[in-house]
Amino acid sequence: MTVELPWRRFRHTPVPEYRSIFVVDIAGFGRWSNPLQIVARDVLTNAVRDAFRVAGIRWNDLGVQDRGDGMMVLIPGQVSKVDILDPFLPRLTARLRRHNETAAPRIRVRLSLHAGEVHRDAHGWVGSDLNTACRLADADPVRAKLAGDAVLVVSDVLYQSVVRHGYRRVDPAAFSRVEIAEKEVRAPAWVAQMS
């Protein structure tokens, strides 16, 4: 039996776009009451928007998908990953830390950063690199490392091409290597506490 692929009906075959992929998941979100979930989502969204603004990355240039207990953000390929690692991530974690010092609920997050080829369709974004970024954020070794307000996991390719070179305030020594084995993803990654 031959399965017709949806894009074969179109005149031009869609091609993937290269994007940096940022995923944030709020730990323990499902245990909170609905009002606390609403507060947490609002705080997180405002913190992410502010951090992108500080990094000089326009919100309208991003592909943002709500995940209920977090979000997935597709960042144009021309944006330097250094700008994502610094100043975006430090600003984001500082905003969350400030919230956690003064208000409830305490928002603890798992952050992942990867890059690769993705497709956009009528329903959002899709692609195996997107799946990888989500698996990184949800992996047991990353969950185990969340001790403070935030933990960051980066894919091995991002660590090797950017993090290990120590651009700006990025400290390669803060990252430890872990093995990810989540569903279809089997790969090394690098984890660091962000707070």
N, C-alpha and C. Protein backbone atom coordinates (compact mmCIF):
# COMPACT_ATOMS: atom_id res chain seq x y z
N MET A 1 0.83 -1.18 0.00
CA MET A 1 0.00 0.00 0.00
C MET A 1 0.88 1.25 0.00
N THR A 2 0.62 2.15 -0.89
CA THR A 2 1.36 3.40 -0.99
C THR A 2 0.61 4.50 -0.26
N VAL A 3 1.34 5.23 0.57
CA VAL A 3 0.74 6.33 1.31
C VAL A 3 1.13 7.63 0.63
N GLU A 4 0.13 8.43 0.29
CA GLU A 4 0.41 9.71 -0.35
C GLU A 4 0.80 10.73 0.74
N LEU A 5 1.97 11.31 0.58
CA LEU A 5 2.42 12.33 1.53
C LEU A 5 1.72 13.64 1.22
N PRO A 6 1.27 14.36 2.27
CA PRO A 6 0.44 15.55 2.04
C PRO A 6 1.09 16.58 1.14
N TRP A 7 2.42 16.76 1.24
CA TRP A 7 3.03 17.81 0.44
C TRP A 7 3.11 17.45 -1.04
N ARG A 8 2.88 16.20 -1.38
CA ARG A 8 2.92 15.81 -2.79
C ARG A 8 1.74 16.43 -3.56
N ARG A 9 0.70 16.87 -2.84
CA ARG A 9 -0.44 17.50 -3.50
C ARG A 9 -0.13 18.93 -3.92
N PHE A 10 0.96 19.48 -3.37
CA PHE A 10 1.29 20.87 -3.65
C PHE A 10 2.28 20.95 -4.80
N ARG A 11 2.35 22.11 -5.39
CA ARG A 11 3.21 22.33 -6.53
C ARG A 11 4.69 22.24 -6.16
N HIS A 12 5.04 22.81 -4.99
CA HIS A 12 6.43 22.80 -4.54
C HIS A 12 6.54 22.01 -3.25
N THR A 13 7.53 21.16 -3.18
CA THR A 13 7.76 20.40 -1.96
C THR A 13 8.27 21.36 -0.89
N PRO A 14 7.65 21.35 0.31
CA PRO A 14 8.13 22.24 1.37
C PRO A 14 9.54 21.83 1.80
N VAL A 15 10.34 22.83 2.11
CA VAL A 15 11.70 22.56 2.57
C VAL A 15 11.81 23.01 4.03
N PRO A 16 12.68 22.37 4.78
CA PRO A 16 12.81 22.74 6.18
C PRO A 16 13.52 24.08 6.34
N GLU A 17 13.31 24.69 7.51
CA GLU A 17 14.01 25.92 7.88
C GLU A 17 14.93 25.61 9.04
N TYR A 18 16.11 26.21 9.03
CA TYR A 18 17.04 26.03 10.14
C TYR A 18 16.67 27.02 11.24
N ARG A 19 16.46 26.52 12.45
CA ARG A 19 16.09 27.35 13.59
C ARG A 19 16.82 26.87 14.84
N SER A 20 17.09 27.80 15.75
CA SER A 20 17.44 27.41 17.11
C SER A 20 16.13 27.07 17.79
N ILE A 21 16.16 26.07 18.65
CA ILE A 21 14.95 25.58 19.28
C ILE A 21 15.12 25.67 20.80
N PHE A 22 14.28 26.49 21.41
CA PHE A 22 14.32 26.69 22.85
C PHE A 22 13.03 26.12 23.44
N VAL A 23 13.18 25.26 24.44
CA VAL A 23 12.02 24.66 25.11
C VAL A 23 12.11 24.96 26.59
N VAL A 24 10.99 25.35 27.19
CA VAL A 24 10.92 25.56 28.63
C VAL A 24 9.72 24.79 29.18
N ASP A 25 9.97 24.01 30.23
CA ASP A 25 8.93 23.25 30.92
C ASP A 25 8.93 23.64 32.39
N ILE A 26 7.75 23.89 32.93
CA ILE A 26 7.62 24.21 34.34
C ILE A 26 7.49 22.90 35.13
N ALA A 27 8.39 22.71 36.09
CA ALA A 27 8.38 21.50 36.91
C ALA A 27 7.20 21.53 37.88
N GLY A 28 6.51 20.41 38.03
CA GLY A 28 5.43 20.28 38.99
C GLY A 28 4.15 21.02 38.66
N PHE A 29 4.03 21.50 37.44
CA PHE A 29 2.91 22.32 37.01
C PHE A 29 1.56 21.64 37.24
N GLY A 30 1.47 20.36 36.94
CA GLY A 30 0.21 19.64 37.03
C GLY A 30 -0.33 19.47 38.45
N ARG A 31 0.51 19.68 39.45
CA ARG A 31 0.07 19.55 40.85
C ARG A 31 -0.56 20.84 41.38
N TRP A 32 -0.45 21.94 40.62
CA TRP A 32 -0.97 23.22 41.08
C TRP A 32 -2.45 23.37 40.75
N SER A 33 -3.11 24.24 41.50
CA SER A 33 -4.51 24.58 41.19
C SER A 33 -4.56 25.37 39.89
N ASN A 34 -5.72 25.43 39.29
CA ASN A 34 -5.87 26.20 38.05
C ASN A 34 -5.43 27.65 38.20
N PRO A 35 -5.86 28.37 39.28
CA PRO A 35 -5.41 29.76 39.42
C PRO A 35 -3.88 29.89 39.48
N LEU A 36 -3.20 28.95 40.17
CA LEU A 36 -1.74 29.01 40.23
C LEU A 36 -1.12 28.73 38.86
N GLN A 37 -1.72 27.81 38.09
CA GLN A 37 -1.22 27.55 36.75
C GLN A 37 -1.32 28.80 35.88
N ILE A 38 -2.42 29.52 36.00
CA ILE A 38 -2.60 30.75 35.22
C ILE A 38 -1.54 31.78 35.59
N VAL A 39 -1.29 31.93 36.89
CA VAL A 39 -0.25 32.88 37.34
C VAL A 39 1.11 32.47 36.80
N ALA A 40 1.44 31.19 36.91
CA ALA A 40 2.75 30.71 36.46
C ALA A 40 2.94 30.93 34.96
N ARG A 41 1.91 30.64 34.18
CA ARG A 41 2.00 30.85 32.73
C ARG A 41 2.21 32.32 32.39
N ASP A 42 1.52 33.20 33.10
CA ASP A 42 1.66 34.63 32.87
C ASP A 42 3.07 35.11 33.23
N VAL A 43 3.56 34.69 34.38
CA VAL A 43 4.90 35.07 34.81
C VAL A 43 5.94 34.56 33.81
N LEU A 44 5.82 33.30 33.42
CA LEU A 44 6.79 32.73 32.48
C LEU A 44 6.76 33.45 31.14
N THR A 45 5.58 33.66 30.59
CA THR A 45 5.47 34.33 29.29
C THR A 45 6.08 35.73 29.34
N ASN A 46 5.77 36.49 30.38
CA ASN A 46 6.34 37.84 30.50
C ASN A 46 7.85 37.80 30.67
N ALA A 47 8.36 36.83 31.43
CA ALA A 47 9.80 36.71 31.63
C ALA A 47 10.51 36.35 30.31
N VAL A 48 9.92 35.43 29.55
CA VAL A 48 10.52 35.02 28.27
C VAL A 48 10.50 36.20 27.29
N ARG A 49 9.38 36.89 27.20
CA ARG A 49 9.29 38.05 26.29
C ARG A 49 10.32 39.12 26.66
N ASP A 50 10.43 39.42 27.95
CA ASP A 50 11.38 40.42 28.41
C ASP A 50 12.81 40.00 28.10
N ALA A 51 13.13 38.74 28.32
CA ALA A 51 14.50 38.26 28.07
C ALA A 51 14.85 38.34 26.58
N PHE A 52 13.91 38.02 25.71
CA PHE A 52 14.18 38.17 24.27
C PHE A 52 14.37 39.64 23.92
N ARG A 53 13.57 40.52 24.52
CA ARG A 53 13.71 41.96 24.25
C ARG A 53 15.10 42.44 24.65
N VAL A 54 15.56 42.05 25.84
CA VAL A 54 16.88 42.45 26.32
C VAL A 54 17.98 41.93 25.40
N ALA A 55 17.77 40.74 24.84
CA ALA A 55 18.75 40.15 23.92
C ALA A 55 18.67 40.75 22.52
N GLY A 56 17.72 41.65 22.29
CA GLY A 56 17.58 42.27 20.97
C GLY A 56 16.93 41.37 19.94
N ILE A 57 16.17 40.39 20.41
CA ILE A 57 15.50 39.44 19.51
C ILE A 57 14.01 39.78 19.51
N ARG A 58 13.49 40.13 18.34
CA ARG A 58 12.10 40.59 18.23
C ARG A 58 11.12 39.43 18.39
N TRP A 59 10.13 39.62 19.25
CA TRP A 59 9.11 38.61 19.52
C TRP A 59 8.38 38.19 18.24
N ASN A 60 8.10 39.15 17.37
CA ASN A 60 7.37 38.85 16.14
C ASN A 60 8.16 38.01 15.15
N ASP A 61 9.48 37.90 15.35
CA ASP A 61 10.32 37.07 14.47
C ASP A 61 10.36 35.61 14.93
N LEU A 62 9.78 35.33 16.08
CA LEU A 62 9.88 34.00 16.68
C LEU A 62 8.65 33.16 16.34
N GLY A 63 8.84 31.86 16.31
CA GLY A 63 7.72 30.92 16.22
C GLY A 63 7.48 30.39 17.62
N VAL A 64 6.36 30.76 18.21
CA VAL A 64 6.08 30.40 19.61
C VAL A 64 4.90 29.43 19.66
N GLN A 65 5.11 28.31 20.34
CA GLN A 65 4.04 27.33 20.54
C GLN A 65 3.83 27.12 22.02
N ASP A 66 2.61 27.32 22.46
CA ASP A 66 2.24 27.09 23.84
C ASP A 66 2.24 25.59 24.10
N ARG A 67 2.74 25.18 25.26
CA ARG A 67 2.74 23.77 25.63
C ARG A 67 1.99 23.52 26.92
N GLY A 68 1.18 24.47 27.34
CA GLY A 68 0.43 24.32 28.58
C GLY A 68 1.31 24.60 29.78
N ASP A 69 2.23 23.70 30.06
CA ASP A 69 3.14 23.86 31.18
C ASP A 69 4.48 24.46 30.76
N GLY A 70 4.48 25.14 29.65
CA GLY A 70 5.70 25.76 29.14
C GLY A 70 5.49 26.26 27.72
N MET A 71 6.60 26.38 27.01
CA MET A 71 6.51 26.83 25.63
C MET A 71 7.71 26.34 24.84
N MET A 72 7.53 26.37 23.55
CA MET A 72 8.57 26.04 22.61
C MET A 72 8.75 27.27 21.72
N VAL A 73 10.00 27.70 21.54
CA VAL A 73 10.25 28.90 20.76
C VAL A 73 11.24 28.57 19.65
N LEU A 74 10.85 28.88 18.41
CA LEU A 74 11.70 28.67 17.25
C LEU A 74 12.32 30.01 16.89
N ILE A 75 13.63 30.07 16.96
CA ILE A 75 14.37 31.32 16.79
C ILE A 75 15.05 31.31 15.43
N PRO A 76 14.93 32.38 14.65
CA PRO A 76 15.54 32.39 13.32
C PRO A 76 17.02 32.03 13.36
N GLY A 77 17.45 31.31 12.35
CA GLY A 77 18.82 30.82 12.28
C GLY A 77 19.87 31.90 12.30
N GLN A 78 19.54 33.11 11.84
CA GLN A 78 20.54 34.17 11.81
C GLN A 78 20.81 34.78 13.19
N VAL A 79 19.98 34.45 14.18
CA VAL A 79 20.22 34.92 15.54
C VAL A 79 21.34 34.07 16.14
N SER A 80 22.36 34.72 16.64
CA SER A 80 23.50 34.00 17.21
C SER A 80 23.09 33.22 18.45
N LYS A 81 23.57 32.00 18.54
CA LYS A 81 23.31 31.20 19.73
C LYS A 81 23.98 31.81 20.95
N VAL A 82 25.02 32.58 20.73
CA VAL A 82 25.67 33.29 21.84
C VAL A 82 24.67 34.26 22.46
N ASP A 83 23.88 34.96 21.64
CA ASP A 83 22.88 35.89 22.17
C ASP A 83 21.80 35.16 22.97
N ILE A 84 21.52 33.91 22.61
CA ILE A 84 20.55 33.13 23.36
C ILE A 84 21.15 32.71 24.70
N LEU A 85 22.40 32.26 24.67
CA LEU A 85 23.08 31.84 25.90
C LEU A 85 23.39 33.02 26.81
N ASP A 86 23.65 34.17 26.23
CA ASP A 86 23.95 35.38 26.99
C ASP A 86 23.76 36.59 26.08
N PRO A 87 22.72 37.38 26.32
CA PRO A 87 22.07 37.69 27.59
C PRO A 87 20.69 37.04 27.81
N PHE A 88 20.10 36.35 26.80
CA PHE A 88 18.73 35.87 26.96
C PHE A 88 18.54 34.98 28.19
N LEU A 89 19.30 33.87 28.28
CA LEU A 89 19.07 32.92 29.38
C LEU A 89 19.35 33.50 30.76
N PRO A 90 20.44 34.26 30.97
CA PRO A 90 20.63 34.87 32.29
C PRO A 90 19.49 35.82 32.67
N ARG A 91 18.99 36.59 31.71
CA ARG A 91 17.89 37.51 32.01
C ARG A 91 16.63 36.73 32.38
N LEU A 92 16.34 35.67 31.62
CA LEU A 92 15.17 34.86 31.91
C LEU A 92 15.24 34.27 33.31
N THR A 93 16.36 33.67 33.65
CA THR A 93 16.48 33.04 34.96
C THR A 93 16.49 34.08 36.08
N ALA A 94 17.03 35.26 35.83
CA ALA A 94 17.00 36.33 36.84
C ALA A 94 15.56 36.77 37.11
N ARG A 95 14.78 36.89 36.05
CA ARG A 95 13.35 37.27 36.22
C ARG A 95 12.59 36.22 37.02
N LEU A 96 12.82 34.95 36.71
CA LEU A 96 12.14 33.88 37.45
C LEU A 96 12.60 33.85 38.91
N ARG A 97 13.89 34.02 39.13
CA ARG A 97 14.42 34.04 40.50
C ARG A 97 13.80 35.19 41.30
N ARG A 98 13.70 36.36 40.68
CA ARG A 98 13.09 37.52 41.35
C ARG A 98 11.64 37.24 41.72
N HIS A 99 10.90 36.62 40.81
CA HIS A 99 9.51 36.23 41.12
C HIS A 99 9.49 35.27 42.30
N ASN A 100 10.34 34.25 42.26
CA ASN A 100 10.34 33.22 43.28
C ASN A 100 10.69 33.75 44.67
N GLU A 101 11.44 34.84 44.73
CA GLU A 101 11.81 35.44 46.01
C GLU A 101 10.66 36.21 46.65
N THR A 102 9.68 36.60 45.84
CA THR A 102 8.64 37.51 46.36
C THR A 102 7.22 37.02 46.21
N ALA A 103 6.97 35.98 45.42
CA ALA A 103 5.58 35.59 45.13
C ALA A 103 5.45 34.09 44.93
N ALA A 104 4.22 33.64 44.95
CA ALA A 104 3.91 32.23 44.68
C ALA A 104 3.19 32.16 43.34
N PRO A 105 3.25 31.02 42.69
CA PRO A 105 3.97 29.82 43.07
C PRO A 105 5.45 29.93 42.71
N ARG A 106 6.27 29.09 43.36
CA ARG A 106 7.69 29.05 42.99
C ARG A 106 7.79 28.34 41.64
N ILE A 107 8.30 29.04 40.67
CA ILE A 107 8.39 28.50 39.30
C ILE A 107 9.79 27.97 39.07
N ARG A 108 9.87 26.66 38.91
CA ARG A 108 11.15 25.99 38.62
C ARG A 108 11.04 25.44 37.20
N VAL A 109 12.08 25.65 36.39
CA VAL A 109 11.97 25.29 34.98
C VAL A 109 13.14 24.44 34.50
N ARG A 110 12.82 23.60 33.52
CA ARG A 110 13.83 22.87 32.76
C ARG A 110 13.88 23.52 31.39
N LEU A 111 15.06 23.95 30.98
CA LEU A 111 15.25 24.64 29.72
C LEU A 111 16.11 23.78 28.80
N SER A 112 15.75 23.72 27.53
CA SER A 112 16.62 23.03 26.58
C SER A 112 16.89 23.93 25.39
N LEU A 113 18.08 23.76 24.83
CA LEU A 113 18.47 24.51 23.64
C LEU A 113 19.13 23.56 22.66
N HIS A 114 18.61 23.57 21.46
CA HIS A 114 19.08 22.72 20.38
C HIS A 114 18.94 23.54 19.10
N ALA A 115 19.35 23.02 17.99
CA ALA A 115 19.16 23.70 16.71
C ALA A 115 19.04 22.65 15.62
N GLY A 116 18.29 22.98 14.58
CA GLY A 116 18.16 22.05 13.48
C GLY A 116 17.07 22.44 12.52
N GLU A 117 16.72 21.50 11.70
CA GLU A 117 15.76 21.72 10.62
C GLU A 117 14.34 21.41 11.09
N VAL A 118 13.44 22.34 10.81
CA VAL A 118 12.03 22.17 11.19
C VAL A 118 11.14 22.59 10.02
N HIS A 119 9.94 22.08 10.05
CA HIS A 119 8.93 22.46 9.05
C HIS A 119 7.81 23.22 9.74
N ARG A 120 7.20 24.13 9.02
CA ARG A 120 6.01 24.81 9.52
C ARG A 120 4.85 24.40 8.64
N ASP A 121 3.76 23.98 9.28
CA ASP A 121 2.56 23.66 8.52
C ASP A 121 1.40 24.48 9.07
N ALA A 122 0.20 24.17 8.65
CA ALA A 122 -0.97 24.94 9.07
C ALA A 122 -1.24 24.81 10.57
N HIS A 123 -0.63 23.85 11.22
CA HIS A 123 -0.90 23.58 12.63
C HIS A 123 0.23 24.01 13.55
N GLY A 124 1.36 24.41 13.00
CA GLY A 124 2.51 24.80 13.84
C GLY A 124 3.81 24.28 13.26
N TRP A 125 4.69 23.85 14.14
CA TRP A 125 6.03 23.42 13.75
C TRP A 125 6.19 21.93 14.00
N VAL A 126 7.00 21.28 13.18
CA VAL A 126 7.23 19.85 13.30
C VAL A 126 8.63 19.51 12.79
N GLY A 127 9.19 18.45 13.31
CA GLY A 127 10.49 17.98 12.83
C GLY A 127 11.21 17.20 13.91
N SER A 128 12.09 16.33 13.48
CA SER A 128 12.81 15.48 14.44
C SER A 128 13.70 16.29 15.37
N ASP A 129 14.26 17.41 14.88
CA ASP A 129 15.08 18.24 15.76
C ASP A 129 14.23 18.90 16.85
N LEU A 130 13.00 19.19 16.53
CA LEU A 130 12.06 19.71 17.52
C LEU A 130 11.77 18.65 18.58
N ASN A 131 11.57 17.42 18.13
CA ASN A 131 11.37 16.31 19.06
C ASN A 131 12.56 16.17 19.99
N THR A 132 13.76 16.28 19.44
CA THR A 132 14.98 16.17 20.25
C THR A 132 15.01 17.23 21.33
N ALA A 133 14.71 18.47 20.98
CA ALA A 133 14.72 19.55 21.97
C ALA A 133 13.73 19.28 23.10
N CYS A 134 12.56 18.75 22.76
CA CYS A 134 11.56 18.43 23.78
C CYS A 134 12.02 17.27 24.65
N ARG A 135 12.61 16.25 24.05
CA ARG A 135 13.11 15.10 24.82
C ARG A 135 14.22 15.53 25.77
N LEU A 136 15.07 16.47 25.33
CA LEU A 136 16.14 16.95 26.21
C LEU A 136 15.55 17.58 27.47
N ALA A 137 14.55 18.42 27.31
CA ALA A 137 13.95 19.12 28.46
C ALA A 137 13.25 18.15 29.41
N ASP A 138 12.80 17.02 28.89
CA ASP A 138 12.01 16.08 29.68
C ASP A 138 12.83 14.90 30.20
N ALA A 139 14.11 14.85 29.88
CA ALA A 139 14.94 13.69 30.20
C ALA A 139 15.19 13.54 31.71
N ASP A 140 15.25 12.31 32.16
CA ASP A 140 15.48 12.02 33.59
C ASP A 140 16.75 12.67 34.13
N PRO A 141 17.90 12.63 33.41
CA PRO A 141 19.09 13.26 33.95
C PRO A 141 18.93 14.78 34.14
N VAL A 142 18.11 15.41 33.32
CA VAL A 142 17.86 16.84 33.44
C VAL A 142 16.94 17.10 34.62
N ARG A 143 15.89 16.29 34.75
CA ARG A 143 15.00 16.41 35.90
C ARG A 143 15.79 16.27 37.21
N ALA A 144 16.73 15.33 37.23
CA ALA A 144 17.51 15.07 38.44
C ALA A 144 18.43 16.24 38.80
N LYS A 145 18.83 17.02 37.82
CA LYS A 145 19.76 18.13 38.05
C LYS A 145 19.06 19.43 38.45
N LEU A 146 17.73 19.47 38.40
CA LEU A 146 17.01 20.70 38.74
C LEU A 146 17.00 20.86 40.26
N ALA A 147 17.95 21.65 40.75
CA ALA A 147 18.09 21.86 42.20
C ALA A 147 17.60 23.25 42.61
N GLY A 148 17.76 24.23 41.74
CA GLY A 148 17.35 25.59 42.06
C GLY A 148 16.15 26.00 41.25
N ASP A 149 16.20 27.21 40.70
CA ASP A 149 15.08 27.73 39.92
C ASP A 149 15.08 27.24 38.48
N ALA A 150 16.27 26.94 37.94
CA ALA A 150 16.34 26.56 36.52
C ALA A 150 17.55 25.68 36.25
N VAL A 151 17.35 24.77 35.32
CA VAL A 151 18.44 23.94 34.81
C VAL A 151 18.38 24.02 33.29
N LEU A 152 19.54 24.10 32.66
CA LEU A 152 19.65 24.19 31.20
C LEU A 152 20.32 22.94 30.66
N VAL A 153 19.76 22.38 29.61
CA VAL A 153 20.41 21.30 28.89
C VAL A 153 20.59 21.76 27.44
N VAL A 154 21.79 21.55 26.93
CA VAL A 154 22.07 21.87 25.52
C VAL A 154 22.49 20.59 24.83
N SER A 155 22.16 20.50 23.56
CA SER A 155 22.55 19.33 22.79
C SER A 155 24.07 19.31 22.64
N ASP A 156 24.60 18.14 22.34
CA ASP A 156 26.05 18.00 22.19
C ASP A 156 26.58 18.90 21.08
N VAL A 157 25.85 18.99 19.97
CA VAL A 157 26.31 19.83 18.86
C VAL A 157 26.40 21.30 19.29
N LEU A 158 25.47 21.77 20.10
CA LEU A 158 25.52 23.15 20.58
C LEU A 158 26.66 23.34 21.58
N TYR A 159 26.86 22.35 22.42
CA TYR A 159 27.97 22.44 23.37
C TYR A 159 29.30 22.53 22.62
N GLN A 160 29.49 21.62 21.67
CA GLN A 160 30.77 21.56 20.95
C GLN A 160 31.01 22.80 20.08
N SER A 161 29.95 23.33 19.47
CA SER A 161 30.15 24.45 18.53
C SER A 161 30.11 25.82 19.19
N VAL A 162 29.47 25.93 20.38
CA VAL A 162 29.33 27.26 21.00
C VAL A 162 29.76 27.27 22.46
N VAL A 163 29.13 26.44 23.29
CA VAL A 163 29.33 26.53 24.74
C VAL A 163 30.79 26.33 25.14
N ARG A 164 31.44 25.32 24.61
CA ARG A 164 32.81 24.99 25.05
C ARG A 164 33.82 26.10 24.77
N HIS A 165 33.47 27.04 23.91
CA HIS A 165 34.38 28.14 23.58
C HIS A 165 34.29 29.30 24.57
N GLY A 166 33.29 29.27 25.45
CA GLY A 166 33.22 30.25 26.53
C GLY A 166 32.97 31.68 26.11
N TYR A 167 32.10 31.88 25.13
CA TYR A 167 31.76 33.24 24.71
C TYR A 167 31.08 34.01 25.84
N ARG A 168 31.37 35.30 25.91
CA ARG A 168 30.78 36.21 26.90
C ARG A 168 30.87 35.60 28.30
N ARG A 169 29.71 35.49 28.95
CA ARG A 169 29.70 34.95 30.32
C ARG A 169 29.37 33.46 30.37
N VAL A 170 29.42 32.78 29.24
CA VAL A 170 29.13 31.35 29.20
C VAL A 170 30.34 30.59 29.77
N ASP A 171 30.09 29.82 30.81
CA ASP A 171 31.16 29.07 31.48
C ASP A 171 31.05 27.59 31.13
N PRO A 172 31.92 27.09 30.23
CA PRO A 172 31.85 25.67 29.86
C PRO A 172 32.02 24.74 31.06
N ALA A 173 32.77 25.16 32.06
CA ALA A 173 33.00 24.31 33.23
C ALA A 173 31.73 24.11 34.06
N ALA A 174 30.72 24.95 33.86
CA ALA A 174 29.47 24.81 34.61
C ALA A 174 28.61 23.66 34.06
N PHE A 175 28.96 23.14 32.90
CA PHE A 175 28.18 22.09 32.24
C PHE A 175 28.78 20.72 32.51
N SER A 176 27.92 19.76 32.76
CA SER A 176 28.38 18.37 32.90
C SER A 176 27.68 17.51 31.84
N ARG A 177 28.41 16.52 31.37
CA ARG A 177 27.90 15.66 30.30
C ARG A 177 26.94 14.63 30.89
N VAL A 178 25.82 14.40 30.20
CA VAL A 178 24.86 13.36 30.57
C VAL A 178 24.49 12.58 29.33
N GLU A 179 23.96 11.41 29.53
CA GLU A 179 23.46 10.59 28.42
C GLU A 179 21.93 10.66 28.44
N ILE A 180 21.36 11.02 27.31
CA ILE A 180 19.91 11.12 27.18
C ILE A 180 19.40 9.86 26.50
N ALA A 181 18.42 9.23 27.11
CA ALA A 181 17.77 8.05 26.54
C ALA A 181 16.27 8.21 26.76
N GLU A 182 15.65 9.01 25.93
CA GLU A 182 14.22 9.30 26.02
C GLU A 182 13.55 8.98 24.69
N LYS A 183 12.65 8.00 24.71
CA LYS A 183 11.92 7.59 23.52
C LYS A 183 12.90 7.35 22.37
N GLU A 184 12.78 8.11 21.28
CA GLU A 184 13.63 7.84 20.11
C GLU A 184 15.00 8.51 20.19
N VAL A 185 15.26 9.30 21.23
CA VAL A 185 16.52 10.06 21.33
C VAL A 185 17.52 9.33 22.21
N ARG A 186 18.67 9.03 21.64
CA ARG A 186 19.81 8.46 22.35
C ARG A 186 21.00 9.32 21.98
N ALA A 187 21.44 10.18 22.92
CA ALA A 187 22.49 11.13 22.58
C ALA A 187 23.11 11.72 23.84
N PRO A 188 24.35 12.17 23.74
CA PRO A 188 24.93 12.93 24.85
C PRO A 188 24.37 14.34 24.84
N ALA A 189 24.36 14.96 26.01
CA ALA A 189 23.94 16.36 26.15
C ALA A 189 24.71 16.95 27.32
N TRP A 190 24.54 18.25 27.54
CA TRP A 190 25.29 18.95 28.57
C TRP A 190 24.35 19.78 29.44
N VAL A 191 24.50 19.65 30.75
CA VAL A 191 23.55 20.24 31.70
C VAL A 191 24.27 21.20 32.64
N ALA A 192 23.59 22.35 32.93
CA ALA A 192 24.13 23.32 33.88
C ALA A 192 23.01 23.92 34.71
N GLN A 193 23.27 24.18 35.98
CA GLN A 193 22.34 24.93 36.83
C GLN A 193 22.37 26.37 36.37
N MET A 194 21.20 27.00 36.32
CA MET A 194 21.13 28.39 35.90
C MET A 194 20.84 29.32 37.05
N SER A 195 20.72 28.81 38.26
CA SER A 195 20.44 29.69 39.39
C SER A 195 21.11 29.17 40.64
